[in-house]
Amino acid sequence: LNRIKASGLKLRFCTNETQATREKFVKKLQGMGFDISVAEVTAPAPAACRILKERSLRPHLLVHSDLVPEFAEIDKANPNCVVIGDAAENFTYANLNEAFRVLIGMEKPILISLGRGRYYKETDGLKLDVGAYMKALEYACDVQAEVVGKPAKMFFESALAEMGVPPQQ
């Protein structure tokens, strides 16, 4: 890592982390001895924020409580889209139904998902991931989600944009 940085090459750490901010992710890696800053991390939430700003979208958020600060600069009044991430305990019937109602009330619903994983493993066992809930909203609202996490093309395009590197380079 130090050699790459010393070479002058631009780099990004790409993560699908959607339960915590980049700051928390960086602190974890720094605790493991990595010399890394928040500016060097591309994650789905900032990629989604870039899209929201570019398209003047105001999201209804169905994300983990710890991730909400990533959306601090985004107008969320009168939502015209839904952003879904790994909301963990926030994946309640009431919260999913609220996201459903926002989408179903739109002429052209826009669903942005921070990932598409089916499930993941934690110390207490397997847990449903955002993809399962994304698919439920897609089905119920007859909409195709725009996925902004790995391996989606727009995720990596966002990383390139953050570095000021054109995709053809």
Protein backbone atom coordinates (compact mmCIF):
# COMPACT_ATOMS: atom_id res chain seq x y z
CA LEU A 1 0.00 0.00 0.00
CA ASN A 2 2.79 2.41 0.87
CA ARG A 3 4.56 1.64 -2.43
CA ILE A 4 1.39 2.32 -4.40
CA LYS A 5 0.88 5.63 -2.62
CA ALA A 6 4.54 6.59 -3.07
CA SER A 7 4.31 5.86 -6.81
CA GLY A 8 1.77 8.64 -7.26
CA LEU A 9 -0.93 6.32 -8.57
CA LYS A 10 -4.46 7.22 -7.55
CA LEU A 11 -6.21 4.52 -5.56
CA ARG A 12 -9.55 3.77 -4.00
CA PHE A 13 -10.68 1.21 -1.48
CA CYS A 14 -14.03 -0.02 -2.78
CA THR A 15 -16.37 -1.47 -0.17
CA ASN A 16 -19.96 -2.62 -0.13
CA GLU A 17 -20.31 -1.54 3.51
CA THR A 18 -23.83 -0.20 4.03
CA GLN A 19 -24.24 -0.46 7.79
CA ALA A 20 -21.71 2.20 8.75
CA THR A 21 -20.20 5.44 7.50
CA ARG A 22 -16.90 5.59 5.68
CA GLU A 23 -15.41 7.20 8.80
CA LYS A 24 -16.21 4.12 10.86
CA PHE A 25 -14.89 1.84 8.10
CA VAL A 26 -11.63 3.83 7.94
CA LYS A 27 -11.16 3.73 11.72
CA LYS A 28 -11.51 -0.06 11.61
CA LEU A 29 -8.83 -0.35 8.90
CA GLN A 30 -6.57 2.14 10.66
CA GLY A 31 -6.89 0.00 13.78
CA MET A 32 -5.53 -2.89 11.70
CA GLY A 33 -2.51 -0.79 10.70
CA PHE A 34 -3.62 0.54 7.31
CA ASP A 35 -2.67 4.10 6.36
CA ILE A 36 -5.98 5.13 4.82
CA SER A 37 -8.21 8.20 4.77
CA VAL A 38 -11.93 8.67 4.16
CA ALA A 39 -11.14 10.39 0.84
CA GLU A 40 -9.64 7.09 -0.40
CA VAL A 41 -12.82 5.06 0.21
CA THR A 42 -15.63 4.55 -2.26
CA ALA A 43 -18.79 3.08 -0.78
CA PRO A 44 -22.36 2.67 -2.04
CA ALA A 45 -23.87 5.49 0.05
CA PRO A 46 -21.64 8.27 -1.34
CA ALA A 47 -22.11 6.82 -4.83
CA ALA A 48 -25.88 7.00 -4.31
CA CYS A 49 -25.56 10.59 -3.02
CA ARG A 50 -23.74 11.55 -6.22
CA ILE A 51 -26.64 10.12 -8.27
CA LEU A 52 -29.25 11.78 -6.06
CA LYS A 53 -27.60 15.18 -6.51
CA GLU A 54 -27.07 14.76 -10.27
CA ARG A 55 -30.71 13.81 -10.82
CA SER A 56 -32.25 16.15 -8.19
CA LEU A 57 -33.74 13.18 -6.34
CA ARG A 58 -35.04 13.38 -2.77
CA PRO A 59 -34.90 9.96 -1.15
CA HIS A 60 -36.99 8.15 1.35
CA LEU A 61 -34.23 6.26 3.19
CA LEU A 62 -34.54 2.64 4.27
CA VAL A 63 -31.00 2.20 5.54
CA HIS A 64 -29.14 1.32 8.73
CA SER A 65 -29.34 4.09 11.34
CA ASP A 66 -25.53 4.33 11.41
CA LEU A 67 -25.49 5.11 7.67
CA VAL A 68 -27.90 8.06 7.76
CA PRO A 69 -25.08 10.64 8.30
CA GLU A 70 -23.75 9.82 4.80
CA PHE A 71 -26.96 11.42 3.46
CA ALA A 72 -26.77 14.58 5.61
CA GLU A 73 -26.36 16.92 2.63
CA ILE A 74 -29.24 15.39 0.68
CA ASP A 75 -32.73 16.92 0.71
CA LYS A 76 -35.15 14.27 1.92
CA ALA A 77 -38.34 16.37 2.00
CA ASN A 78 -41.17 15.15 -0.24
CA PRO A 79 -39.33 12.03 -1.45
CA ASN A 80 -39.37 11.20 -5.15
CA CYS A 81 -37.40 7.95 -4.84
CA VAL A 82 -36.46 5.26 -2.32
CA VAL A 83 -32.91 4.35 -1.33
CA ILE A 84 -32.55 0.95 0.31
CA GLY A 85 -29.47 -0.48 2.01
CA ASP A 86 -28.76 -3.16 4.59
CA ALA A 87 -31.05 -1.68 7.21
CA ALA A 88 -30.64 -4.64 9.62
CA GLU A 89 -33.11 -4.08 12.49
CA ASN A 90 -34.77 -1.27 10.50
CA PHE A 91 -36.13 -3.89 8.08
CA THR A 92 -39.50 -4.01 9.81
CA TYR A 93 -42.87 -4.55 8.17
CA ALA A 94 -43.81 -0.93 8.92
CA ASN A 95 -40.61 0.46 7.36
CA LEU A 96 -40.82 -1.76 4.28
CA ASN A 97 -44.48 -0.86 3.84
CA GLU A 98 -43.64 2.85 4.13
CA ALA A 99 -41.03 2.47 1.36
CA PHE A 100 -43.60 0.51 -0.68
CA ARG A 101 -46.16 3.30 -0.28
CA VAL A 102 -43.67 5.94 -1.41
CA LEU A 103 -42.83 3.92 -4.53
CA ILE A 104 -46.35 2.79 -5.40
CA GLY A 105 -47.55 6.39 -5.22
CA MET A 106 -45.18 7.48 -8.00
CA GLU A 107 -46.00 7.56 -11.70
CA LYS A 108 -42.48 6.29 -12.48
CA PRO A 109 -41.06 4.79 -9.27
CA ILE A 110 -37.32 5.04 -8.68
CA LEU A 111 -35.71 2.47 -6.38
CA ILE A 112 -31.99 2.80 -5.69
CA SER A 113 -30.35 -0.11 -3.87
CA LEU A 114 -26.97 0.10 -2.17
CA GLY A 115 -26.37 -3.58 -2.92
CA ARG A 116 -27.95 -6.77 -4.13
CA GLY A 117 -26.61 -9.38 -1.70
CA ARG A 118 -28.97 -12.20 -0.73
CA TYR A 119 -27.59 -12.92 2.71
CA TYR A 120 -24.43 -12.75 4.77
CA LYS A 121 -22.98 -14.50 7.79
CA GLU A 122 -22.48 -12.96 11.21
CA THR A 123 -21.38 -14.59 14.44
CA ASP A 124 -24.97 -15.54 15.34
CA GLY A 125 -25.71 -17.03 11.91
CA LEU A 126 -26.98 -16.10 8.45
CA LYS A 127 -28.92 -12.87 7.92
CA LEU A 128 -30.97 -11.62 4.99
CA ASP A 129 -29.18 -8.89 3.03
CA VAL A 130 -30.54 -5.90 1.13
CA GLY A 131 -31.10 -7.86 -2.09
CA ALA A 132 -33.98 -9.85 -0.62
CA TYR A 133 -35.80 -6.69 0.44
CA MET A 134 -34.93 -4.96 -2.83
CA LYS A 135 -36.52 -7.83 -4.76
CA ALA A 136 -39.67 -7.59 -2.62
CA LEU A 137 -40.05 -3.89 -3.45
CA GLU A 138 -39.25 -4.51 -7.12
CA TYR A 139 -41.97 -7.15 -7.32
CA ALA A 140 -44.57 -5.21 -5.34
CA CYS A 141 -44.05 -1.98 -7.29
CA ASP A 142 -43.21 -3.45 -10.70
CA VAL A 143 -39.94 -1.50 -10.81
CA GLN A 144 -36.33 -2.41 -11.57
CA ALA A 145 -33.90 -1.19 -8.89
CA GLU A 146 -30.78 0.73 -9.81
CA VAL A 147 -27.97 -0.98 -7.89
CA VAL A 148 -25.06 1.28 -6.89
CA GLY A 149 -22.91 -1.21 -4.95
CA LYS A 150 -20.32 -3.66 -6.29
CA PRO A 151 -20.29 -5.06 -8.95
CA ALA A 152 -22.55 -2.43 -10.61
CA LYS A 153 -20.89 -0.38 -13.33
CA MET A 154 -22.11 2.92 -11.85
CA PHE A 155 -20.36 2.11 -8.56
CA PHE A 156 -16.97 1.93 -10.24
CA GLU A 157 -17.80 4.96 -12.40
CA SER A 158 -18.42 6.85 -9.17
CA ALA A 159 -15.00 5.80 -7.85
CA LEU A 160 -13.37 7.01 -11.07
CA ALA A 161 -15.27 10.32 -10.87
CA GLU A 162 -14.09 10.81 -7.28
CA MET A 163 -10.51 10.41 -8.48
CA GLY A 164 -11.02 12.61 -11.53
CA VAL A 165 -10.13 9.73 -13.83
CA PRO A 166 -12.11 9.24 -17.06
CA PRO A 167 -13.43 5.67 -17.56
CA GLN A 168 -11.45 5.19 -20.78
CA GLN A 169 -8.21 5.80 -18.91
